[in-house]
C-alpha atoms as a PDB file:
ATOM      1  CA  GLN A   1      -1.458 140.894-131.500  1.00  0.00           C
ATOM      2  CA  VAL A   2      -0.581 139.284-134.655  1.00  0.00           C
ATOM      3  CA  GLN A   3       3.233 137.891-135.156  1.00  0.00           C
ATOM      4  CA  LEU A   4       4.498 138.184-137.307  1.00  0.00           C
ATOM      5  CA  VAL A   5       7.991 136.369-138.824  1.00  0.00           C
ATOM      6  CA  GLU A   6       9.683 136.625-141.796  1.00  0.00           C
ATOM      7  CA  SER A   7      12.472 133.613-143.511  1.00  0.00           C
ATOM      8  CA  GLY A   8      14.293 133.255-146.140  1.00  0.00           C
ATOM      9  CA  GLY A   9      16.730 136.563-146.473  1.00  0.00           C
ATOM     10  CA  GLY A  10      20.274 135.778-147.366  1.00  0.00           C
ATOM     11  CA  LEU A  11      23.590 136.962-149.628  1.00  0.00           C
ATOM     12  CA  VAL A  12      23.029 136.868-153.474  1.00  0.00           C
ATOM     13  CA  GLN A  13      24.970 137.728-156.536  1.00  0.00           C
ATOM     14  CA  ALA A  14      23.366 140.585-159.002  1.00  0.00           C
ATOM     15  CA  GLY A  15      20.739 139.266-161.250  1.00  0.00           C
ATOM     16  CA  GLY A  16      20.205 136.150-158.857  1.00  0.00           C
ATOM     17  CA  SER A  17      16.842 135.651-156.876  1.00  0.00           C
ATOM     18  CA  LEU A  18      15.760 134.912-153.810  1.00  0.00           C
ATOM     19  CA  ARG A  19      12.274 134.073-151.954  1.00  0.00           C
ATOM     20  CA  LEU A  20      11.316 135.216-148.446  1.00  0.00           C
ATOM     21  CA  SER A  21       8.316 133.928-146.239  1.00  0.00           C
ATOM     22  CA  CYS A  22       6.396 135.159-143.912  1.00  0.00           C
ATOM     23  CA  ALA A  23       4.405 133.076-141.199  1.00  0.00           C
ATOM     24  CA  ALA A  24       0.796 134.835-139.391  1.00  0.00           C
ATOM     25  CA  SER A  25       0.456 133.451-135.198  1.00  0.00           C
ATOM     26  CA  GLU A  26      -3.520 134.532-135.998  1.00  0.00           C
ATOM     27  CA  ARG A  27      -5.344 134.273-138.639  1.00  0.00           C
ATOM     28  CA  THR A  28      -5.225 136.729-141.364  1.00  0.00           C
ATOM     29  CA  PHE A  29      -9.123 137.609-143.017  1.00  0.00           C
ATOM     30  CA  SER A  30      -9.920 138.057-146.514  1.00  0.00           C
ATOM     31  CA  SER A  31      -9.971 142.330-145.584  1.00  0.00           C
ATOM     32  CA  ASP A  32      -6.190 141.972-144.605  1.00  0.00           C
ATOM     33  CA  ALA A  33      -4.168 143.491-146.297  1.00  0.00           C
ATOM     34  CA  MET A  34      -0.059 141.995-146.410  1.00  0.00           C
ATOM     35  CA  GLY A  35       2.711 142.514-148.421  1.00  0.00           C
ATOM     36  CA  TRP A  36       6.615 143.970-147.841  1.00  0.00           C
ATOM     37  CA  PHE A  37       8.381 146.647-146.907  1.00  0.00           C
ATOM     38  CA  ARG A  38      12.343 147.692-146.203  1.00  0.00           C
ATOM     39  CA  GLN A  39      15.047 149.947-145.177  1.00  0.00           C
ATOM     40  CA  ALA A  40      18.469 150.342-145.630  1.00  0.00           C
ATOM     41  CA  PRO A  41      20.802 151.882-143.750  1.00  0.00           C
ATOM     42  CA  GLY A  42      20.396 155.515-142.756  1.00  0.00           C
ATOM     43  CA  LYS A  43      17.554 155.218-145.247  1.00  0.00           C
ATOM     44  CA  GLU A  44      13.839 155.321-145.041  1.00  0.00           C
ATOM     45  CA  ARG A  45      11.206 152.304-145.307  1.00  0.00           C
ATOM     46  CA  GLU A  46      10.933 151.590-148.808  1.00  0.00           C
ATOM     47  CA  PHE A  47       7.589 150.000-149.982  1.00  0.00           C
ATOM     48  CA  VAL A  48       7.576 146.718-151.738  1.00  0.00           C
ATOM     49  CA  ALA A  49       4.671 145.492-152.462  1.00  0.00           C
ATOM     50  CA  ALA A  50       0.960 144.093-150.626  1.00  0.00           C
ATOM     51  CA  ILE A  51      -1.845 142.075-151.185  1.00  0.00           C
ATOM     52  CA  ASN A  52      -5.273 141.538-151.039  1.00  0.00           C
ATOM     53  CA  TRP A  53      -5.566 138.460-148.685  1.00  0.00           C
ATOM     54  CA  GLY A  54      -9.171 137.654-149.864  1.00  0.00           C
ATOM     55  CA  ALA A  55      -9.236 138.443-153.638  1.00  0.00           C
ATOM     56  CA  GLY A  56      -5.148 138.499-153.992  1.00  0.00           C
ATOM     57  CA  TYR A  57      -5.307 141.593-155.958  1.00  0.00           C
ATOM     58  CA  THR A  58      -1.617 143.145-155.841  1.00  0.00           C
ATOM     59  CA  VAL A  59       0.293 146.052-155.773  1.00  0.00           C
ATOM     60  CA  TYR A  60       4.135 147.142-156.283  1.00  0.00           C
ATOM     61  CA  GLY A  61       6.654 149.267-155.264  1.00  0.00           C
ATOM     62  CA  ASP A  62       8.132 150.974-159.221  1.00  0.00           C
ATOM     63  CA  SER A  63      11.448 149.878-157.565  1.00  0.00           C
ATOM     64  CA  VAL A  64      10.872 146.353-158.295  1.00  0.00           C
ATOM     65  CA  LYS A  65       8.013 145.968-160.652  1.00  0.00           C
ATOM     66  CA  GLY A  66       8.794 143.385-162.585  1.00  0.00           C
ATOM     67  CA  ARG A  67      11.632 141.783-160.739  1.00  0.00           C
ATOM     68  CA  PHE A  68       9.443 141.170-157.547  1.00  0.00           C
ATOM     69  CA  THR A  69       6.666 138.831-156.932  1.00  0.00           C
ATOM     70  CA  ILE A  70       3.808 138.609-153.491  1.00  0.00           C
ATOM     71  CA  SER A  71       1.881 135.787-153.245  1.00  0.00           C
ATOM     72  CA  ARG A  72      -0.155 134.265-150.256  1.00  0.00           C
ATOM     73  CA  ASP A  73      -0.921 130.706-149.070  1.00  0.00           C
ATOM     74  CA  LYS A  74      -4.315 131.127-147.619  1.00  0.00           C
ATOM     75  CA  ASP A  75      -4.404 127.466-145.885  1.00  0.00           C
ATOM     76  CA  LYS A  76      -0.800 127.502-144.939  1.00  0.00           C
ATOM     77  CA  ASN A  77      -1.774 131.399-143.623  1.00  0.00           C
ATOM     78  CA  LYS A  78       1.739 132.121-144.890  1.00  0.00           C
ATOM     79  CA  LEU A  79       2.829 135.105-146.965  1.00  0.00           C
ATOM     80  CA  TYR A  80       5.868 135.157-150.033  1.00  0.00           C
ATOM     81  CA  LEU A  81       8.379 137.500-152.181  1.00  0.00           C
ATOM     82  CA  GLN A  82       9.775 135.799-154.949  1.00  0.00           C
ATOM     83  CA  MET A  83      12.411 138.302-155.882  1.00  0.00           C
ATOM     84  CA  ASN A  84      14.468 138.195-159.337  1.00  0.00           C
ATOM     85  CA  ASN A  85      16.851 139.178-160.811  1.00  0.00           C
ATOM     86  CA  MET A  86      18.331 141.396-157.799  1.00  0.00           C
ATOM     87  CA  LYS A  87      20.404 144.688-157.857  1.00  0.00           C
ATOM     88  CA  PRO A  88      22.462 145.310-155.096  1.00  0.00           C
ATOM     89  CA  GLU A  89      20.527 148.815-154.325  1.00  0.00           C
ATOM     90  CA  ASP A  90      17.879 145.716-153.019  1.00  0.00           C
ATOM     91  CA  THR A  91      20.106 145.392-149.698  1.00  0.00           C
ATOM     92  CA  ALA A  92      18.129 146.276-146.998  1.00  0.00           C
ATOM     93  CA  VAL A  93      15.793 144.321-144.160  1.00  0.00           C
ATOM     94  CA  TYR A  94      13.442 143.054-145.613  1.00  0.00           C
ATOM     95  CA  TYR A  95       9.398 143.225-142.953  1.00  0.00           C
ATOM     96  CA  CYS A  96       6.218 140.968-143.076  1.00  0.00           C
ATOM     97  CA  ALA A  97       3.897 143.542-142.826  1.00  0.00           C
ATOM     98  CA  LYS A  98      -0.282 143.494-142.242  1.00  0.00           C
ATOM     99  CA  ASP A  99      -3.215 146.404-142.755  1.00  0.00           C
ATOM    100  CA  PRO A 100      -6.153 145.120-141.762  1.00  0.00           C
ATOM    101  CA  ILE A 101      -7.699 147.499-143.604  1.00  0.00           C
ATOM    102  CA  SER A 102      -6.563 147.161-146.979  1.00  0.00           C
ATOM    103  CA  ARG A 103      -5.723 151.204-147.181  1.00  0.00           C
ATOM    104  CA  VAL A 104      -2.277 150.361-148.273  1.00  0.00           C
ATOM    105  CA  LEU A 105      -3.287 148.629-151.327  1.00  0.00           C
ATOM    106  CA  ARG A 106      -4.327 152.717-152.304  1.00  0.00           C
ATOM    107  CA  THR A 107      -1.522 154.419-150.716  1.00  0.00           C
ATOM    108  CA  ARG A 108       1.601 151.993-151.007  1.00  0.00           C
ATOM    109  CA  SER A 109       2.492 153.866-147.388  1.00  0.00           C
ATOM    110  CA  THR A 110       4.525 151.862-145.218  1.00  0.00           C
ATOM    111  CA  SER A 111       2.642 153.800-142.452  1.00  0.00           C
ATOM    112  CA  ASP A 112      -0.808 151.669-143.148  1.00  0.00           C
ATOM    113  CA  PHE A 113       0.636 149.045-142.512  1.00  0.00           C
ATOM    114  CA  GLY A 114      -0.533 148.270-138.035  1.00  0.00           C
ATOM    115  CA  SER A 115       1.956 145.483-137.363  1.00  0.00           C
ATOM    116  CA  TRP A 116       5.551 144.100-138.742  1.00  0.00           C
ATOM    117  CA  GLY A 117       7.876 141.036-137.872  1.00  0.00           C
ATOM    118  CA  GLN A 118      11.402 141.843-136.569  1.00  0.00           C
ATOM    119  CA  GLY A 119      12.535 141.676-140.424  1.00  0.00           C
ATOM    120  CA  THR A 120      15.276 139.337-142.454  1.00  0.00           C
ATOM    121  CA  GLN A 121      18.093 140.564-144.440  1.00  0.00           C
ATOM    122  CA  VAL A 122      19.044 140.556-147.538  1.00  0.00           C
ATOM    123  CA  THR A 123      22.291 141.204-149.314  1.00  0.00           C
ATOM    124  CA  VAL A 124      23.026 141.879-153.079  1.00  0.00           C
ATOM    125  CA  SER A 125      26.712 141.583-154.103  1.00  0.00           C
ATOM    126  CA  SER A 126      27.676 142.844-156.723  1.00  0.00           C
END
């Protein structure tokens, strides 16, 4: 089972930016999709973004489109999430996740992620 470790969370003011990183313990293959989802207290998991590791094709959740950018560094085997123009409603625990068959790129469903990390807290103050 791959280990995913997130970093980069913290407290930011509305309108500010944060960059999350995710390191994987095992090699990521071209057929894999890697992504992010988030969960706020008392709410369901929400899909944020995903990327096909090989081709770099990306998809985003409607609430973050145009503000967040997902990217990967294949040499370092790392995943990133650049978050700009952040809003208080972006406050949540953010999880790095993996879908080994890239189904999530079509469904944008968090249930298609097969493994995920411990999460990193992101808090946006108004």
